[in-house]
């Protein structure tokens, strides 16, 4: 089981599994073929999505505007795109 990155001209996309209302914000490893992300924010009014974007931007060392949820905005299972980095650079930062 490993995380799958898809690289394109617009950035690198990968699957994310979100656990809202966690004790702390953290990237908790790989679960299945998705990156497990824990956030303290509740899944209401997009707050958990904002927390996911903020955490991933910090983790990968990019600006928040370079991280976008492109699928699954209302689900725990999401697809995220990070622009400005290559697949190899993302893998190293994890």
PDB file of N, CA and C in Angstrom:
ATOM      1  N   UNK A   1       0.827  -1.169   0.000  1.00  0.00           N
ATOM      2  CA  UNK A   1       0.000   0.000   0.000  1.00  0.00           C
ATOM      3  C   UNK A   1       0.881   1.245   0.000  1.00  0.00           C
ATOM      4  N   UNK A   2       0.700   2.038  -1.014  1.00  0.00           N
ATOM      5  CA  UNK A   2       1.517   3.242  -1.096  1.00  0.00           C
ATOM      6  C   UNK A   2       0.709   4.371  -1.716  1.00  0.00           C
ATOM      7  N   UNK A   3       1.144   5.564  -1.423  1.00  0.00           N
ATOM      8  CA  UNK A   3       0.491   6.758  -1.918  1.00  0.00           C
ATOM      9  C   UNK A   3       0.813   6.930  -3.395  1.00  0.00           C
ATOM     10  N   UNK A   4      -0.210   7.200  -4.184  1.00  0.00           N
ATOM     11  CA  UNK A   4      -0.027   7.379  -5.631  1.00  0.00           C
ATOM     12  C   UNK A   4      -0.105   8.860  -5.974  1.00  0.00           C
ATOM     13  N   UNK A   5       0.936   9.341  -6.615  1.00  0.00           N
ATOM     14  CA  UNK A   5       0.976  10.723  -7.083  1.00  0.00           C
ATOM     15  C   UNK A   5       0.740  10.737  -8.583  1.00  0.00           C
ATOM     16  N   UNK A   6      -0.083  11.658  -9.069  1.00  0.00           N
ATOM     17  CA  UNK A   6      -0.276  11.863 -10.498  1.00  0.00           C
ATOM     18  C   UNK A   6       0.228  13.252 -10.830  1.00  0.00           C
ATOM     19  N   UNK A   7       1.234  13.312 -11.690  1.00  0.00           N
ATOM     20  CA  UNK A   7       1.842  14.590 -12.028  1.00  0.00           C
ATOM     21  C   UNK A   7       1.337  15.069 -13.383  1.00  0.00           C
ATOM     22  N   UNK A   8       0.988  16.368 -13.459  1.00  0.00           N
ATOM     23  CA  UNK A   8       0.548  16.974 -14.708  1.00  0.00           C
ATOM     24  C   UNK A   8       1.090  18.392 -14.758  1.00  0.00           C
ATOM     25  N   UNK A   9       0.760  19.091 -15.818  1.00  0.00           N
ATOM     26  CA  UNK A   9       1.230  20.466 -15.965  1.00  0.00           C
ATOM     27  C   UNK A   9       0.665  21.377 -14.878  1.00  0.00           C
ATOM     28  N   UNK A  10      -0.511  21.048 -14.360  1.00  0.00           N
ATOM     29  CA  UNK A  10      -1.141  21.903 -13.348  1.00  0.00           C
ATOM     30  C   UNK A  10      -0.691  21.585 -11.924  1.00  0.00           C
ATOM     31  N   UNK A  11       0.033  20.500 -11.733  1.00  0.00           N
ATOM     32  CA  UNK A  11       0.530  20.148 -10.405  1.00  0.00           C
ATOM     33  C   UNK A  11       0.473  18.658 -10.152  1.00  0.00           C
ATOM     34  N   UNK A  12       0.663  18.290  -8.909  1.00  0.00           N
ATOM     35  CA  UNK A  12       0.660  16.884  -8.499  1.00  0.00           C
ATOM     36  C   UNK A  12      -0.616  16.625  -7.710  1.00  0.00           C
ATOM     37  N   UNK A  13      -1.353  15.575  -8.086  1.00  0.00           N
ATOM     38  CA  UNK A  13      -2.580  15.230  -7.376  1.00  0.00           C
ATOM     39  C   UNK A  13      -2.397  13.911  -6.636  1.00  0.00           C
ATOM     40  N   UNK A  14      -3.108  13.794  -5.523  1.00  0.00           N
ATOM     41  CA  UNK A  14      -3.063  12.565  -4.728  1.00  0.00           C
ATOM     42  C   UNK A  14      -4.302  12.502  -3.842  1.00  0.00           C
ATOM     43  N   UNK A  15      -4.594  11.305  -3.347  1.00  0.00           N
ATOM     44  CA  UNK A  15      -5.764  11.090  -2.500  1.00  0.00           C
ATOM     45  C   UNK A  15      -5.445  11.408  -1.049  1.00  0.00           C
ATOM     46  N   UNK A  16      -6.444  11.943  -0.354  1.00  0.00           N
ATOM     47  CA  UNK A  16      -6.300  12.286   1.063  1.00  0.00           C
ATOM     48  C   UNK A  16      -7.517  11.742   1.807  1.00  0.00           C
ATOM     49  N   UNK A  17      -7.280  11.159   2.962  1.00  0.00           N
ATOM     50  CA  UNK A  17      -8.350  10.704   3.861  1.00  0.00           C
ATOM     51  C   UNK A  17      -8.287  11.603   5.095  1.00  0.00           C
ATOM     52  N   UNK A  18      -9.359  12.340   5.361  1.00  0.00           N
ATOM     53  CA  UNK A  18      -9.370  13.340   6.430  1.00  0.00           C
ATOM     54  C   UNK A  18     -10.094  12.815   7.660  1.00  0.00           C
ATOM     55  N   UNK A  19      -9.497  13.073   8.823  1.00  0.00           N
ATOM     56  CA  UNK A  19     -10.150  12.787  10.098  1.00  0.00           C
ATOM     57  C   UNK A  19     -10.391  14.130  10.795  1.00  0.00           C
ATOM     58  N   UNK A  20     -11.623  14.648  10.718  1.00  0.00           N
ATOM     59  CA  UNK A  20     -11.921  15.914  11.404  1.00  0.00           C
ATOM     60  C   UNK A  20     -12.057  15.703  12.912  1.00  0.00           C
ATOM     61  N   UNK A  21     -12.014  16.793  13.646  1.00  0.00           N
ATOM     62  CA  UNK A  21     -12.144  16.789  15.108  1.00  0.00           C
ATOM     63  C   UNK A  21     -11.110  15.902  15.787  1.00  0.00           C
ATOM     64  N   UNK A  22      -9.911  15.878  15.258  1.00  0.00           N
ATOM     65  CA  UNK A  22      -8.822  15.111  15.863  1.00  0.00           C
ATOM     66  C   UNK A  22      -8.245  15.908  17.038  1.00  0.00           C
ATOM     67  N   UNK A  23      -7.385  15.290  17.797  1.00  0.00           N
ATOM     68  CA  UNK A  23      -6.762  15.980  18.935  1.00  0.00           C
ATOM     69  C   UNK A  23      -5.778  17.052  18.489  1.00  0.00           C
ATOM     70  N   UNK A  24      -5.125  16.811  17.342  1.00  0.00           N
ATOM     71  CA  UNK A  24      -4.155  17.786  16.840  1.00  0.00           C
ATOM     72  C   UNK A  24      -4.091  17.697  15.327  1.00  0.00           C
ATOM     73  N   UNK A  25      -3.584  18.751  14.711  1.00  0.00           N
ATOM     74  CA  UNK A  25      -3.391  18.752  13.263  1.00  0.00           C
ATOM     75  C   UNK A  25      -2.115  17.994  12.943  1.00  0.00           C
ATOM     76  N   UNK A  26      -2.211  16.998  12.056  1.00  0.00           N
ATOM     77  CA  UNK A  26      -1.030  16.214  11.723  1.00  0.00           C
ATOM     78  C   UNK A  26      -1.265  15.406  10.455  1.00  0.00           C
ATOM     79  N   UNK A  27      -0.175  15.155   9.755  1.00  0.00           N
ATOM     80  CA  UNK A  27      -0.187  14.177   8.669  1.00  0.00           C
ATOM     81  C   UNK A  27       0.170  12.862   9.334  1.00  0.00           C
ATOM     82  N   UNK A  28      -0.762  11.913   9.307  1.00  0.00           N
ATOM     83  CA  UNK A  28      -0.634  10.684  10.087  1.00  0.00           C
ATOM     84  C   UNK A  28      -0.222   9.479   9.260  1.00  0.00           C
ATOM     85  N   UNK A  29       0.447   9.688   8.135  1.00  0.00           N
ATOM     86  CA  UNK A  29       0.932   8.575   7.338  1.00  0.00           C
ATOM     87  C   UNK A  29       0.010   8.223   6.190  1.00  0.00           C
ATOM     88  N   UNK A  30       0.170   7.004   5.703  1.00  0.00           N
ATOM     89  CA  UNK A  30      -0.599   6.545   4.550  1.00  0.00           C
ATOM     90  C   UNK A  30      -1.576   5.472   5.005  1.00  0.00           C
ATOM     91  N   UNK A  31      -2.827   5.626   4.587  1.00  0.00           N
ATOM     92  CA  UNK A  31      -3.858   4.625   4.880  1.00  0.00           C
ATOM     93  C   UNK A  31      -4.417   4.167   3.542  1.00  0.00           C
ATOM     94  N   UNK A  32      -4.174   2.909   3.203  1.00  0.00           N
ATOM     95  CA  UNK A  32      -4.568   2.413   1.882  1.00  0.00           C
ATOM     96  C   UNK A  32      -3.714   3.108   0.834  1.00  0.00           C
ATOM     97  N   UNK A  33      -4.363   3.774  -0.113  1.00  0.00           N
ATOM     98  CA  UNK A  33      -3.604   4.511  -1.127  1.00  0.00           C
ATOM     99  C   UNK A  33      -3.804   6.024  -0.962  1.00  0.00           C
ATOM    100  N   UNK A  34      -4.152   6.447   0.264  1.00  0.00           N
ATOM    101  CA  UNK A  34      -4.388   7.868   0.530  1.00  0.00           C
ATOM    102  C   UNK A  34      -3.528   8.350   1.694  1.00  0.00           C
ATOM    103  N   UNK A  35      -3.216   9.620   1.673  1.00  0.00           N
ATOM    104  CA  UNK A  35      -2.498  10.261   2.766  1.00  0.00           C
ATOM    105  C   UNK A  35      -3.505  10.565   3.870  1.00  0.00           C
ATOM    106  N   UNK A  36      -3.256  10.098   5.094  1.00  0.00           N
ATOM    107  CA  UNK A  36      -4.187  10.357   6.201  1.00  0.00           C
ATOM    108  C   UNK A  36      -3.798  11.678   6.852  1.00  0.00           C
ATOM    109  N   UNK A  37      -4.795  12.575   6.937  1.00  0.00           N
ATOM    110  CA  UNK A  37      -4.591  13.898   7.510  1.00  0.00           C
ATOM    111  C   UNK A  37      -5.596  14.096   8.636  1.00  0.00           C
ATOM    112  N   UNK A  38      -5.098  14.448   9.821  1.00  0.00           N
ATOM    113  CA  UNK A  38      -5.953  14.701  10.978  1.00  0.00           C
ATOM    114  C   UNK A  38      -5.998  16.206  11.223  1.00  0.00           C
ATOM    115  N   UNK A  39      -7.202  16.749  11.391  1.00  0.00           N
ATOM    116  CA  UNK A  39      -7.363  18.175  11.684  1.00  0.00           C
ATOM    117  C   UNK A  39      -8.311  18.344  12.866  1.00  0.00           C
ATOM    118  N   UNK A  40      -8.083  19.389  13.653  1.00  0.00           N
ATOM    119  CA  UNK A  40      -8.911  19.639  14.829  1.00  0.00           C
ATOM    120  C   UNK A  40     -10.240  20.278  14.468  1.00  0.00           C
ATOM    121  N   UNK A  41     -10.325  20.866  13.296  1.00  0.00           N
ATOM    122  CA  UNK A  41     -11.539  21.583  12.882  1.00  0.00           C
ATOM    123  C   UNK A  41     -12.696  20.610  12.627  1.00  0.00           C
ATOM    124  N   UNK A  42     -13.918  21.056  12.907  1.00  0.00           N
ATOM    125  CA  UNK A  42     -15.086  20.221  12.607  1.00  0.00           C
ATOM    126  C   UNK A  42     -15.429  20.305  11.120  1.00  0.00           C
ATOM    127  N   UNK A  43     -16.145  19.312  10.606  1.00  0.00           N
ATOM    128  CA  UNK A  43     -16.494  19.314   9.183  1.00  0.00           C
ATOM    129  C   UNK A  43     -17.724  20.174   8.901  1.00  0.00           C
ATOM    130  N   UNK A  44     -17.705  21.407   9.348  1.00  0.00           N
ATOM    131  CA  UNK A  44     -18.838  22.311   9.178  1.00  0.00           C
ATOM    132  C   UNK A  44     -18.379  23.589   8.492  1.00  0.00           C
ATOM    133  N   UNK A  45     -19.161  24.067   7.559  1.00  0.00           N
ATOM    134  CA  UNK A  45     -18.893  25.331   6.863  1.00  0.00           C
ATOM    135  C   UNK A  45     -17.517  25.372   6.200  1.00  0.00           C
ATOM    136  N   UNK A  46     -17.003  24.228   5.801  1.00  0.00           N
ATOM    137  CA  UNK A  46     -15.715  24.195   5.103  1.00  0.00           C
ATOM    138  C   UNK A  46     -14.505  24.390   5.993  1.00  0.00           C
ATOM    139  N   UNK A  47     -14.702  24.390   7.313  1.00  0.00           N
ATOM    140  CA  UNK A  47     -13.561  24.631   8.211  1.00  0.00           C
ATOM    141  C   UNK A  47     -12.534  23.509   8.170  1.00  0.00           C
ATOM    142  N   UNK A  48     -12.982  22.264   8.059  1.00  0.00           N
ATOM    143  CA  UNK A  48     -12.030  21.152   7.977  1.00  0.00           C
ATOM    144  C   UNK A  48     -11.241  21.232   6.670  1.00  0.00           C
ATOM    145  N   UNK A  49     -11.895  21.608   5.570  1.00  0.00           N
ATOM    146  CA  UNK A  49     -11.189  21.753   4.294  1.00  0.00           C
ATOM    147  C   UNK A  49     -10.124  22.838   4.389  1.00  0.00           C
ATOM    148  N   UNK A  50     -10.456  23.963   5.020  1.00  0.00           N
ATOM    149  CA  UNK A  50      -9.480  25.035   5.190  1.00  0.00           C
ATOM    150  C   UNK A  50      -8.298  24.566   6.019  1.00  0.00           C
ATOM    151  N   UNK A  51      -8.574  23.789   7.069  1.00  0.00           N
ATOM    152  CA  UNK A  51      -7.504  23.270   7.918  1.00  0.00           C
ATOM    153  C   UNK A  51      -6.612  22.292   7.156  1.00  0.00           C
ATOM    154  N   UNK A  52      -7.211  21.473   6.287  1.00  0.00           N
ATOM    155  CA  UNK A  52      -6.440  20.532   5.475  1.00  0.00           C
ATOM    156  C   UNK A  52      -5.505  21.301   4.540  1.00  0.00           C
ATOM    157  N   UNK A  53      -6.018  22.322   3.884  1.00  0.00           N
ATOM    158  CA  UNK A  53      -5.204  23.122   2.964  1.00  0.00           C
ATOM    159  C   UNK A  53      -4.060  23.790   3.722  1.00  0.00           C
ATOM    160  N   UNK A  54      -4.370  24.360   4.870  1.00  0.00           N
ATOM    161  CA  UNK A  54      -3.343  25.030   5.673  1.00  0.00           C
ATOM    162  C   UNK A  54      -2.254  24.049   6.119  1.00  0.00           C
ATOM    163  N   UNK A  55      -2.659  22.871   6.602  1.00  0.00           N
ATOM    164  CA  UNK A  55      -1.704  21.872   7.068  1.00  0.00           C
ATOM    165  C   UNK A  55      -0.832  21.353   5.924  1.00  0.00           C
ATOM    166  N   UNK A  56      -1.440  21.041   4.778  1.00  0.00           N
ATOM    167  CA  UNK A  56      -0.663  20.520   3.659  1.00  0.00           C
ATOM    168  C   UNK A  56       0.292  21.583   3.105  1.00  0.00           C
ATOM    169  N   UNK A  57      -0.140  22.840   3.062  1.00  0.00           N
ATOM    170  CA  UNK A  57       0.740  23.912   2.595  1.00  0.00           C
ATOM    171  C   UNK A  57       1.960  24.024   3.512  1.00  0.00           C
ATOM    172  N   UNK A  58       1.720  23.950   4.806  1.00  0.00           N
ATOM    173  CA  UNK A  58       2.821  24.009   5.773  1.00  0.00           C
ATOM    174  C   UNK A  58       3.741  22.800   5.638  1.00  0.00           C
ATOM    175  N   UNK A  59       3.156  21.623   5.494  1.00  0.00           N
ATOM    176  CA  UNK A  59       3.933  20.383   5.373  1.00  0.00           C
ATOM    177  C   UNK A  59       4.828  20.397   4.143  1.00  0.00           C
ATOM    178  N   UNK A  60       4.292  20.866   3.015  1.00  0.00           N
ATOM    179  CA  UNK A  60       5.056  20.845   1.763  1.00  0.00           C
ATOM    180  C   UNK A  60       5.847  22.120   1.519  1.00  0.00           C
ATOM    181  N   UNK A  61       5.710  23.111   2.386  1.00  0.00           N
ATOM    182  CA  UNK A  61       6.473  24.338   2.239  1.00  0.00           C
ATOM    183  C   UNK A  61       6.040  25.185   1.055  1.00  0.00           C
ATOM    184  N   UNK A  62       4.738  25.220   0.809  1.00  0.00           N
ATOM    185  CA  UNK A  62       4.198  26.036  -0.290  1.00  0.00           C
ATOM    186  C   UNK A  62       3.151  26.995   0.284  1.00  0.00           C
ATOM    187  N   UNK A  63       2.702  27.931  -0.534  1.00  0.00           N
ATOM    188  CA  UNK A  63       1.653  28.858  -0.116  1.00  0.00           C
ATOM    189  C   UNK A  63       0.305  28.145  -0.171  1.00  0.00           C
ATOM    190  N   UNK A  64      -0.633  28.611   0.649  1.00  0.00           N
ATOM    191  CA  UNK A  64      -1.945  27.966   0.698  1.00  0.00           C
ATOM    192  C   UNK A  64      -2.649  27.988  -0.645  1.00  0.00           C
ATOM    193  N   UNK A  65      -2.428  29.020  -1.437  1.00  0.00           N
ATOM    194  CA  UNK A  65      -3.096  29.095  -2.738  1.00  0.00           C
ATOM    195  C   UNK A  65      -2.576  28.039  -3.724  1.00  0.00           C
ATOM    196  N   UNK A  66      -1.454  27.390  -3.400  1.00  0.00           N
ATOM    197  CA  UNK A  66      -0.914  26.336  -4.255  1.00  0.00           C
ATOM    198  C   UNK A  66      -1.520  24.965  -3.939  1.00  0.00           C
ATOM    199  N   UNK A  67      -2.335  24.889  -2.897  1.00  0.00           N
ATOM    200  CA  UNK A  67      -2.979  23.640  -2.502  1.00  0.00           C
ATOM    201  C   UNK A  67      -4.476  23.793  -2.747  1.00  0.00           C
ATOM    202  N   UNK A  68      -5.067  22.833  -3.468  1.00  0.00           N
ATOM    203  CA  UNK A  68      -6.492  22.900  -3.775  1.00  0.00           C
ATOM    204  C   UNK A  68      -7.130  21.525  -3.629  1.00  0.00           C
ATOM    205  N   UNK A  69      -8.334  21.516  -3.081  1.00  0.00           N
ATOM    206  CA  UNK A  69      -9.132  20.291  -3.030  1.00  0.00           C
ATOM    207  C   UNK A  69      -9.929  20.270  -4.328  1.00  0.00           C
ATOM    208  N   UNK A  70      -9.624  19.291  -5.195  1.00  0.00           N
ATOM    209  CA  UNK A  70     -10.264  19.274  -6.512  1.00  0.00           C
ATOM    210  C   UNK A  70     -11.413  18.276  -6.603  1.00  0.00           C
ATOM    211  N   UNK A  71     -11.549  17.414  -5.593  1.00  0.00           N
ATOM    212  CA  UNK A  71     -12.678  16.471  -5.562  1.00  0.00           C
ATOM    213  C   UNK A  71     -12.928  16.063  -4.119  1.00  0.00           C
ATOM    214  N   UNK A  72     -14.192  15.838  -3.783  1.00  0.00           N
ATOM    215  CA  UNK A  72     -14.543  15.344  -2.460  1.00  0.00           C
ATOM    216  C   UNK A  72     -14.634  16.403  -1.383  1.00  0.00           C
ATOM    217  N   UNK A  73     -15.019  17.611  -1.734  1.00  0.00           N
ATOM    218  CA  UNK A  73     -15.069  18.706  -0.757  1.00  0.00           C
ATOM    219  C   UNK A  73     -15.992  18.403   0.416  1.00  0.00           C
ATOM    220  N   UNK A  74     -17.020  17.586   0.219  1.00  0.00           N
ATOM    221  CA  UNK A  74     -17.950  17.274   1.306  1.00  0.00           C
ATOM    222  C   UNK A  74     -17.768  15.855   1.833  1.00  0.00           C
ATOM    223  N   UNK A  75     -16.666  15.221   1.491  1.00  0.00           N
ATOM    224  CA  UNK A  75     -16.394  13.845   1.891  1.00  0.00           C
ATOM    225  C   UNK A  75     -15.091  13.780   2.685  1.00  0.00           C
ATOM    226  N   UNK A  76     -14.905  12.701   3.416  1.00  0.00           N
ATOM    227  CA  UNK A  76     -13.619  12.494   4.094  1.00  0.00           C
ATOM    228  C   UNK A  76     -12.538  12.123   3.092  1.00  0.00           C
ATOM    229  N   UNK A  77     -12.933  11.488   1.997  1.00  0.00           N
ATOM    230  CA  UNK A  77     -11.991  11.099   0.948  1.00  0.00           C
ATOM    231  C   UNK A  77     -11.939  12.197  -0.095  1.00  0.00           C
ATOM    232  N   UNK A  78     -10.770  12.785  -0.255  1.00  0.00           N
ATOM    233  CA  UNK A  78     -10.613  13.933  -1.146  1.00  0.00           C
ATOM    234  C   UNK A  78      -9.475  13.688  -2.127  1.00  0.00           C
ATOM    235  N   UNK A  79      -9.459  14.476  -3.183  1.00  0.00           N
ATOM    236  CA  UNK A  79      -8.322  14.518  -4.093  1.00  0.00           C
ATOM    237  C   UNK A  79      -7.773  15.930  -4.013  1.00  0.00           C
ATOM    238  N   UNK A  80      -6.470  16.022  -3.748  1.00  0.00           N
ATOM    239  CA  UNK A  80      -5.811  17.308  -3.550  1.00  0.00           C
ATOM    240  C   UNK A  80      -4.771  17.517  -4.643  1.00  0.00           C
ATOM    241  N   UNK A  81      -4.672  18.777  -5.110  1.00  0.00           N
ATOM    242  CA  UNK A  81      -3.629  19.125  -6.083  1.00  0.00           C
ATOM    243  C   UNK A  81      -2.701  20.150  -5.436  1.00  0.00           C
ATOM    244  N   UNK A  82      -1.394  19.895  -5.558  1.00  0.00           N
ATOM    245  CA  UNK A  82      -0.375  20.837  -5.100  1.00  0.00           C
ATOM    246  C   UNK A  82       0.386  21.301  -6.328  1.00  0.00           C
ATOM    247  N   UNK A  83       0.373  22.602  -6.578  1.00  0.00           N
ATOM    248  CA  UNK A  83       1.097  23.134  -7.731  1.00  0.00           C
ATOM    249  C   UNK A  83       2.427  23.721  -7.278  1.00  0.00           C
ATOM    250  N   UNK A  84       3.375  23.747  -8.190  1.00  0.00           N
ATOM    251  CA  UNK A  84       4.677  24.335  -7.895  1.00  0.00           C
ATOM    252  C   UNK A  84       5.721  23.351  -7.409  1.00  0.00           C
ATOM    253  N   UNK A  85       5.348  22.088  -7.222  1.00  0.00           N
ATOM    254  CA  UNK A  85       6.293  21.054  -6.810  1.00  0.00           C
ATOM    255  C   UNK A  85       6.160  19.847  -7.726  1.00  0.00           C
ATOM    256  N   UNK A  86       7.225  19.060  -7.823  1.00  0.00           N
ATOM    257  CA  UNK A  86       7.178  17.826  -8.594  1.00  0.00           C
ATOM    258  C   UNK A  86       6.798  16.666  -7.677  1.00  0.00           C
ATOM    259  N   UNK A  87       6.489  15.546  -8.282  1.00  0.00           N
ATOM    260  CA  UNK A  87       6.150  14.339  -7.522  1.00  0.00           C
ATOM    261  C   UNK A  87       7.305  13.940  -6.607  1.00  0.00           C
ATOM    262  N   UNK A  88       8.526  14.025  -7.100  1.00  0.00           N
ATOM    263  CA  UNK A  88       9.707  13.650  -6.304  1.00  0.00           C
ATOM    264  C   UNK A  88       9.871  14.589  -5.099  1.00  0.00           C
ATOM    265  N   UNK A  89       9.641  15.880  -5.296  1.00  0.00           N
ATOM    266  CA  UNK A  89       9.768  16.834  -4.196  1.00  0.00           C
ATOM    267  C   UNK A  89       8.721  16.580  -3.112  1.00  0.00           C
ATOM    268  N   UNK A  90       7.493  16.247  -3.526  1.00  0.00           N
ATOM    269  CA  UNK A  90       6.444  15.931  -2.542  1.00  0.00           C
ATOM    270  C   UNK A  90       6.789  14.680  -1.768  1.00  0.00           C
ATOM    271  N   UNK A  91       7.273  13.665  -2.450  1.00  0.00           N
ATOM    272  CA  UNK A  91       7.603  12.407  -1.792  1.00  0.00           C
ATOM    273  C   UNK A  91       8.700  12.607  -0.750  1.00  0.00           C
ATOM    274  N   UNK A  92       9.670  13.449  -1.054  1.00  0.00           N
ATOM    275  CA  UNK A  92      10.757  13.714  -0.112  1.00  0.00           C
ATOM    276  C   UNK A  92      10.239  14.439   1.132  1.00  0.00           C
ATOM    277  N   UNK A  93       9.302  15.366   0.962  1.00  0.00           N
ATOM    278  CA  UNK A  93       8.795  16.158   2.080  1.00  0.00           C
ATOM    279  C   UNK A  93       7.874  15.344   2.991  1.00  0.00           C
ATOM    280  N   UNK A  94       7.387  14.235   2.510  1.00  0.00           N
ATOM    281  CA  UNK A  94       6.559  13.370   3.365  1.00  0.00           C
ATOM    282  C   UNK A  94       7.455  12.492   4.180  1.00  0.00           C
TER     283      UNK A  94
END
